[in-house]
Amino acid sequence: MSTTFTVDFFCSVDGYGSAKGWPGYWGKEGPEVREDRVRTFAQDQVLVFGATTFRLFRDFVVEYDEPYYASMNELPKIVFSSTLEEPLGWQNSTLLDEDAVAAIERLKRTTDVPMRSHGSISLNRALLAAGLVDRLEIMMFPAVTGRAGEAALLHGGAELDLELVESTVLDGRTQKLVYIPHLHGEIPEGVGPQRRNLT
């Protein structure tokens, strides 16, 4: 028995997950982006959160009206936190106060239900570095947030080689890229620019 773990990350072209003063989706959402979200969260899966993202989404699903929030409410959820306490205030949620890397490694071996984590920067950075992420899905919106950008998943994290398995343009402007990540190892000989033999 084993399953897959997907990291699901929204970002600007410069790799930031959010930006001060910019709206959700960087104001670039469209019907195809929303349809993609509906399809994504209609799947049988367990949602995995760190405490900060869990708190944000717990509020978002009450305050905002997105077509996939009902599915998020219904899906089973795990939140890793040493600060949250029961009751968690979001239905179908389970609190785990333990090391997330060890727990996800165990869960991947003992369940066949796929797991997905959206946002949760510190959590997913650690899982990528541990080689526990099977798919990295990046939804890249057409914006450069520059100095306003924050919550960059890949900045300062592990070095990765990415195998592209899917590429889709949504609403004619937003790129969805699906990769299989591999921890970067030694560079094979003969790759990259080759020096001239000047002798």
C-alpha atoms as a PDB file:
ATOM      1  CA  MET A   1       0.000   0.000   0.000  1.00  0.00           C
ATOM      2  CA  SER A   2       1.391   3.403  -0.949  1.00  0.00           C
ATOM      3  CA  THR A   3       0.202   6.735  -2.242  1.00  0.00           C
ATOM      4  CA  THR A   4       1.344   9.962  -3.846  1.00  0.00           C
ATOM      5  CA  PHE A   5       1.929  13.391  -2.342  1.00  0.00           C
ATOM      6  CA  THR A   6       1.293  16.471  -4.483  1.00  0.00           C
ATOM      7  CA  VAL A   7       2.429  19.994  -3.673  1.00  0.00           C
ATOM      8  CA  ASP A   8       0.059  22.500  -5.264  1.00  0.00           C
ATOM      9  CA  PHE A   9       1.536  26.016  -5.526  1.00  0.00           C
ATOM     10  CA  PHE A  10       0.128  29.268  -6.930  1.00  0.00           C
ATOM     11  CA  CYS A  11       2.802  31.811  -7.817  1.00  0.00           C
ATOM     12  CA  SER A  12       3.701  34.904  -9.775  1.00  0.00           C
ATOM     13  CA  VAL A  13       6.269  34.680 -12.585  1.00  0.00           C
ATOM     14  CA  ASP A  14       8.990  35.618 -10.080  1.00  0.00           C
ATOM     15  CA  GLY A  15       8.042  32.721  -7.839  1.00  0.00           C
ATOM     16  CA  TYR A  16       6.112  34.363  -4.993  1.00  0.00           C
ATOM     17  CA  GLY A  17       3.047  32.700  -3.497  1.00  0.00           C
ATOM     18  CA  SER A  18       1.401  35.984  -2.496  1.00  0.00           C
ATOM     19  CA  ALA A  19       2.088  39.706  -2.535  1.00  0.00           C
ATOM     20  CA  LYS A  20       1.190  42.661  -0.343  1.00  0.00           C
ATOM     21  CA  GLY A  21      -1.453  44.837  -1.960  1.00  0.00           C
ATOM     22  CA  TRP A  22      -2.376  42.305  -4.657  1.00  0.00           C
ATOM     23  CA  PRO A  23      -5.722  40.428  -4.658  1.00  0.00           C
ATOM     24  CA  GLY A  24      -6.145  36.657  -4.725  1.00  0.00           C
ATOM     25  CA  TYR A  25      -4.996  35.063  -7.991  1.00  0.00           C
ATOM     26  CA  TRP A  26      -3.124  38.367  -8.505  1.00  0.00           C
ATOM     27  CA  GLY A  27      -6.406  39.540 -10.058  1.00  0.00           C
ATOM     28  CA  LYS A  28      -5.776  37.247 -13.057  1.00  0.00           C
ATOM     29  CA  GLU A  29      -8.327  34.496 -12.428  1.00  0.00           C
ATOM     30  CA  GLY A  30     -10.580  33.297 -15.213  1.00  0.00           C
ATOM     31  CA  PRO A  31     -13.155  30.559 -15.847  1.00  0.00           C
ATOM     32  CA  GLU A  32     -10.560  27.957 -16.859  1.00  0.00           C
ATOM     33  CA  VAL A  33      -8.528  28.524 -13.683  1.00  0.00           C
ATOM     34  CA  ARG A  34     -11.667  28.075 -11.600  1.00  0.00           C
ATOM     35  CA  GLU A  35     -12.690  24.966 -13.569  1.00  0.00           C
ATOM     36  CA  ASP A  36      -9.227  23.514 -12.934  1.00  0.00           C
ATOM     37  CA  ARG A  37      -9.662  24.107  -9.205  1.00  0.00           C
ATOM     38  CA  VAL A  38     -13.089  22.457  -9.249  1.00  0.00           C
ATOM     39  CA  ARG A  39     -11.658  19.362 -10.995  1.00  0.00           C
ATOM     40  CA  THR A  40      -8.663  19.271  -8.657  1.00  0.00           C
ATOM     41  CA  PHE A  41     -10.649  19.305  -5.434  1.00  0.00           C
ATOM     42  CA  ALA A  42     -13.368  16.963  -6.723  1.00  0.00           C
ATOM     43  CA  GLN A  43     -10.816  14.134  -6.553  1.00  0.00           C
ATOM     44  CA  ASP A  44     -10.665  11.669  -3.663  1.00  0.00           C
ATOM     45  CA  GLN A  45      -7.730  12.869  -1.566  1.00  0.00           C
ATOM     46  CA  VAL A  46      -6.552  14.067   1.824  1.00  0.00           C
ATOM     47  CA  LEU A  47      -5.637  17.746   2.117  1.00  0.00           C
ATOM     48  CA  VAL A  48      -2.495  18.472   4.140  1.00  0.00           C
ATOM     49  CA  PHE A  49      -1.797  21.863   5.725  1.00  0.00           C
ATOM     50  CA  GLY A  50       0.625  23.675   7.932  1.00  0.00           C
ATOM     51  CA  ALA A  51      -0.967  25.757  10.681  1.00  0.00           C
ATOM     52  CA  THR A  52      -0.798  29.148   8.924  1.00  0.00           C
ATOM     53  CA  THR A  53      -2.381  27.992   5.657  1.00  0.00           C
ATOM     54  CA  PHE A  54      -4.962  25.962   7.568  1.00  0.00           C
ATOM     55  CA  ARG A  55      -6.067  29.073   9.493  1.00  0.00           C
ATOM     56  CA  LEU A  56      -6.260  31.103   6.268  1.00  0.00           C
ATOM     57  CA  PHE A  57      -8.352  28.547   4.385  1.00  0.00           C
ATOM     58  CA  ARG A  58     -10.570  27.886   7.399  1.00  0.00           C
ATOM     59  CA  ASP A  59     -11.535  31.571   7.143  1.00  0.00           C
ATOM     60  CA  PHE A  60     -11.538  31.787   3.327  1.00  0.00           C
ATOM     61  CA  VAL A  61     -14.168  29.053   2.909  1.00  0.00           C
ATOM     62  CA  VAL A  62     -16.536  31.020   5.155  1.00  0.00           C
ATOM     63  CA  GLU A  63     -15.817  34.566   3.943  1.00  0.00           C
ATOM     64  CA  TYR A  64     -15.439  33.979   0.194  1.00  0.00           C
ATOM     65  CA  ASP A  65     -17.443  32.168  -2.471  1.00  0.00           C
ATOM     66  CA  GLU A  66     -15.285  29.985  -4.711  1.00  0.00           C
ATOM     67  CA  PRO A  67     -16.845  27.039  -6.596  1.00  0.00           C
ATOM     68  CA  TYR A  68     -14.401  24.498  -5.113  1.00  0.00           C
ATOM     69  CA  TYR A  69     -14.703  25.503  -1.431  1.00  0.00           C
ATOM     70  CA  ALA A  70     -17.588  23.080  -0.826  1.00  0.00           C
ATOM     71  CA  SER A  71     -15.330  20.220  -1.937  1.00  0.00           C
ATOM     72  CA  MET A  72     -12.545  21.438   0.327  1.00  0.00           C
ATOM     73  CA  ASN A  73     -14.973  21.446   3.245  1.00  0.00           C
ATOM     74  CA  GLU A  74     -15.987  17.842   2.557  1.00  0.00           C
ATOM     75  CA  LEU A  75     -12.525  16.380   2.001  1.00  0.00           C
ATOM     76  CA  PRO A  76     -10.555  14.950   4.954  1.00  0.00           C
ATOM     77  CA  LYS A  77      -7.858  17.321   6.153  1.00  0.00           C
ATOM     78  CA  ILE A  78      -4.663  16.968   8.190  1.00  0.00           C
ATOM     79  CA  VAL A  79      -2.987  19.947   9.821  1.00  0.00           C
ATOM     80  CA  PHE A  80       0.479  19.806  11.349  1.00  0.00           C
ATOM     81  CA  SER A  81       0.728  22.154  14.313  1.00  0.00           C
ATOM     82  CA  SER A  82       1.998  22.436  17.857  1.00  0.00           C
ATOM     83  CA  THR A  83      -0.068  25.583  18.482  1.00  0.00           C
ATOM     84  CA  LEU A  84      -3.571  24.757  17.223  1.00  0.00           C
ATOM     85  CA  GLU A  85      -6.009  23.035  19.581  1.00  0.00           C
ATOM     86  CA  GLU A  86      -9.218  21.066  19.167  1.00  0.00           C
ATOM     87  CA  PRO A  87     -11.843  21.945  18.110  1.00  0.00           C
ATOM     88  CA  LEU A  88     -10.153  23.086  14.907  1.00  0.00           C
ATOM     89  CA  GLY A  89     -13.163  24.948  13.498  1.00  0.00           C
ATOM     90  CA  TRP A  90     -13.103  23.281  10.088  1.00  0.00           C
ATOM     91  CA  GLN A  91     -15.034  20.091   9.431  1.00  0.00           C
ATOM     92  CA  ASN A  92     -13.262  16.798   8.717  1.00  0.00           C
ATOM     93  CA  SER A  93      -9.957  18.063  10.097  1.00  0.00           C
ATOM     94  CA  THR A  94      -7.395  16.121  12.134  1.00  0.00           C
ATOM     95  CA  LEU A  95      -4.597  17.706  14.165  1.00  0.00           C
ATOM     96  CA  LEU A  96      -1.154  16.083  14.144  1.00  0.00           C
ATOM     97  CA  ASP A  97       1.373  17.430  16.629  1.00  0.00           C
ATOM     98  CA  GLU A  98       4.374  15.518  15.330  1.00  0.00           C
ATOM     99  CA  ASP A  99       7.222  15.856  12.871  1.00  0.00           C
ATOM    100  CA  ALA A 100       5.624  16.328   9.465  1.00  0.00           C
ATOM    101  CA  VAL A 101       8.414  14.671   7.466  1.00  0.00           C
ATOM    102  CA  ALA A 102       8.273  11.479   9.548  1.00  0.00           C
ATOM    103  CA  ALA A 103       4.470  11.481   9.543  1.00  0.00           C
ATOM    104  CA  ILE A 104       4.131  11.944   5.774  1.00  0.00           C
ATOM    105  CA  GLU A 105       6.752   9.270   5.162  1.00  0.00           C
ATOM    106  CA  ARG A 106       4.685   6.888   7.324  1.00  0.00           C
ATOM    107  CA  LEU A 107       1.344   7.890   5.785  1.00  0.00           C
ATOM    108  CA  LYS A 108       2.643   7.435   2.262  1.00  0.00           C
ATOM    109  CA  ARG A 109       3.466   3.815   3.144  1.00  0.00           C
ATOM    110  CA  THR A 110       0.239   3.035   4.983  1.00  0.00           C
ATOM    111  CA  THR A 111      -2.552   4.562   2.894  1.00  0.00           C
ATOM    112  CA  ASP A 112      -3.596   4.483  -0.749  1.00  0.00           C
ATOM    113  CA  VAL A 113      -5.510   7.781  -0.681  1.00  0.00           C
ATOM    114  CA  PRO A 114      -3.568  10.549  -2.477  1.00  0.00           C
ATOM    115  CA  MET A 115      -2.472  13.575  -0.449  1.00  0.00           C
ATOM    116  CA  ARG A 116      -2.338  17.197  -1.626  1.00  0.00           C
ATOM    117  CA  SER A 117      -0.930  20.280   0.046  1.00  0.00           C
ATOM    118  CA  HIS A 118      -1.669  23.818  -1.148  1.00  0.00           C
ATOM    119  CA  GLY A 119       0.408  26.730   0.146  1.00  0.00           C
ATOM    120  CA  SER A 120       1.996  25.673   3.470  1.00  0.00           C
ATOM    121  CA  ILE A 121       5.442  26.995   2.537  1.00  0.00           C
ATOM    122  CA  SER A 122       7.578  25.718   5.440  1.00  0.00           C
ATOM    123  CA  LEU A 123       5.888  22.313   5.448  1.00  0.00           C
ATOM    124  CA  ASN A 124       6.223  21.752   1.716  1.00  0.00           C
ATOM    125  CA  ARG A 125       9.774  23.063   1.561  1.00  0.00           C
ATOM    126  CA  ALA A 126      10.726  20.433   4.155  1.00  0.00           C
ATOM    127  CA  LEU A 127       8.863  17.679   2.282  1.00  0.00           C
ATOM    128  CA  LEU A 128      10.546  18.603  -1.005  1.00  0.00           C
ATOM    129  CA  ALA A 129      13.963  18.541   0.697  1.00  0.00           C
ATOM    130  CA  ALA A 130      13.169  15.095   2.123  1.00  0.00           C
ATOM    131  CA  GLY A 131      12.270  13.724  -1.320  1.00  0.00           C
ATOM    132  CA  LEU A 132       8.685  12.951  -0.292  1.00  0.00           C
ATOM    133  CA  VAL A 133       6.904  14.970  -2.999  1.00  0.00           C
ATOM    134  CA  ASP A 134       5.782  12.975  -6.044  1.00  0.00           C
ATOM    135  CA  ARG A 135       4.242  15.830  -8.024  1.00  0.00           C
ATOM    136  CA  LEU A 136       4.842  19.557  -7.976  1.00  0.00           C
ATOM    137  CA  GLU A 137       1.949  21.428  -9.585  1.00  0.00           C
ATOM    138  CA  ILE A 138       2.708  25.088 -10.220  1.00  0.00           C
ATOM    139  CA  MET A 139      -0.005  27.504 -11.318  1.00  0.00           C
ATOM    140  CA  MET A 140       1.973  30.508 -12.571  1.00  0.00           C
ATOM    141  CA  PHE A 141      -0.025  33.708 -12.963  1.00  0.00           C
ATOM    142  CA  PRO A 142       1.035  36.499 -15.364  1.00  0.00           C
ATOM    143  CA  ALA A 143       2.357  38.965 -12.800  1.00  0.00           C
ATOM    144  CA  VAL A 144       5.729  40.003 -11.405  1.00  0.00           C
ATOM    145  CA  THR A 145       5.267  41.063  -7.801  1.00  0.00           C
ATOM    146  CA  GLY A 146       8.866  42.172  -7.166  1.00  0.00           C
ATOM    147  CA  ARG A 147       9.355  43.826  -3.779  1.00  0.00           C
ATOM    148  CA  ALA A 148       5.717  43.146  -2.824  1.00  0.00           C
ATOM    149  CA  GLY A 149       6.190  39.383  -3.181  1.00  0.00           C
ATOM    150  CA  GLU A 150       6.268  36.975  -0.256  1.00  0.00           C
ATOM    151  CA  ALA A 151       5.765  33.261   0.536  1.00  0.00           C
ATOM    152  CA  ALA A 152       8.227  31.921  -2.048  1.00  0.00           C
ATOM    153  CA  LEU A 153       8.208  28.127  -1.864  1.00  0.00           C
ATOM    154  CA  LEU A 154      11.338  27.462  -3.880  1.00  0.00           C
ATOM    155  CA  HIS A 155      13.598  30.327  -2.803  1.00  0.00           C
ATOM    156  CA  GLY A 156      16.224  29.086  -0.354  1.00  0.00           C
ATOM    157  CA  GLY A 157      14.994  25.507  -0.513  1.00  0.00           C
ATOM    158  CA  ALA A 158      16.437  22.247  -1.790  1.00  0.00           C
ATOM    159  CA  GLU A 159      18.008  21.989  -5.238  1.00  0.00           C
ATOM    160  CA  LEU A 160      15.705  20.030  -7.546  1.00  0.00           C
ATOM    161  CA  ASP A 161      15.707  18.614 -11.033  1.00  0.00           C
ATOM    162  CA  LEU A 162      12.188  18.766 -12.465  1.00  0.00           C
ATOM    163  CA  GLU A 163      10.667  16.369 -14.996  1.00  0.00           C
ATOM    164  CA  LEU A 164       7.847  18.122 -16.846  1.00  0.00           C
ATOM    165  CA  VAL A 165       4.821  15.824 -17.311  1.00  0.00           C
ATOM    166  CA  GLU A 166       2.077  18.355 -18.106  1.00  0.00           C
ATOM    167  CA  SER A 167       1.861  21.915 -19.391  1.00  0.00           C
ATOM    168  CA  THR A 168      -1.421  23.755 -19.885  1.00  0.00           C
ATOM    169  CA  VAL A 169      -2.324  27.378 -20.592  1.00  0.00           C
ATOM    170  CA  LEU A 170      -5.506  28.454 -18.799  1.00  0.00           C
ATOM    171  CA  ASP A 171      -7.564  31.463 -19.894  1.00  0.00           C
ATOM    172  CA  GLY A 172      -4.858  32.223 -22.466  1.00  0.00           C
ATOM    173  CA  ARG A 173      -2.485  33.625 -19.846  1.00  0.00           C
ATOM    174  CA  THR A 174      -1.957  31.412 -16.778  1.00  0.00           C
ATOM    175  CA  GLN A 175       0.478  28.501 -17.060  1.00  0.00           C
ATOM    176  CA  LYS A 176      -0.132  25.243 -15.185  1.00  0.00           C
ATOM    177  CA  LEU A 177       3.068  23.207 -14.976  1.00  0.00           C
ATOM    178  CA  VAL A 178       3.144  19.720 -13.478  1.00  0.00           C
ATOM    179  CA  TYR A 179       6.534  18.268 -12.582  1.00  0.00           C
ATOM    180  CA  ILE A 180       7.971  15.162 -10.975  1.00  0.00           C
ATOM    181  CA  PRO A 181      10.664  16.562  -8.661  1.00  0.00           C
ATOM    182  CA  HIS A 182      13.979  14.810  -8.047  1.00  0.00           C
ATOM    183  CA  LEU A 183      16.570  15.908  -5.526  1.00  0.00           C
ATOM    184  CA  HIS A 184      19.496  17.349  -7.476  1.00  0.00           C
ATOM    185  CA  GLY A 185      22.567  15.110  -7.398  1.00  0.00           C
ATOM    186  CA  GLU A 186      25.893  15.130  -9.130  1.00  0.00           C
ATOM    187  CA  ILE A 187      26.030  16.787 -12.537  1.00  0.00           C
ATOM    188  CA  PRO A 188      26.755  14.207 -15.233  1.00  0.00           C
ATOM    189  CA  GLU A 189      29.809  14.726 -17.418  1.00  0.00           C
ATOM    190  CA  GLY A 190      29.279  16.273 -20.825  1.00  0.00           C
ATOM    191  CA  VAL A 191      26.306  18.488 -20.003  1.00  0.00           C
ATOM    192  CA  GLY A 192      26.225  22.256 -20.247  1.00  0.00           C
ATOM    193  CA  PRO A 193      28.486  24.429 -22.433  1.00  0.00           C
ATOM    194  CA  GLN A 194      31.729  22.666 -23.318  1.00  0.00           C
ATOM    195  CA  ARG A 195      35.084  24.458 -23.247  1.00  0.00           C
ATOM    196  CA  ARG A 196      36.946  24.826 -26.513  1.00  0.00           C
ATOM    197  CA  ASN A 197      40.034  22.734 -26.954  1.00  0.00           C
ATOM    198  CA  LEU A 198      42.578  25.477 -27.627  1.00  0.00           C
ATOM    199  CA  THR A 199      45.648  23.237 -27.841  1.00  0.00           C
END
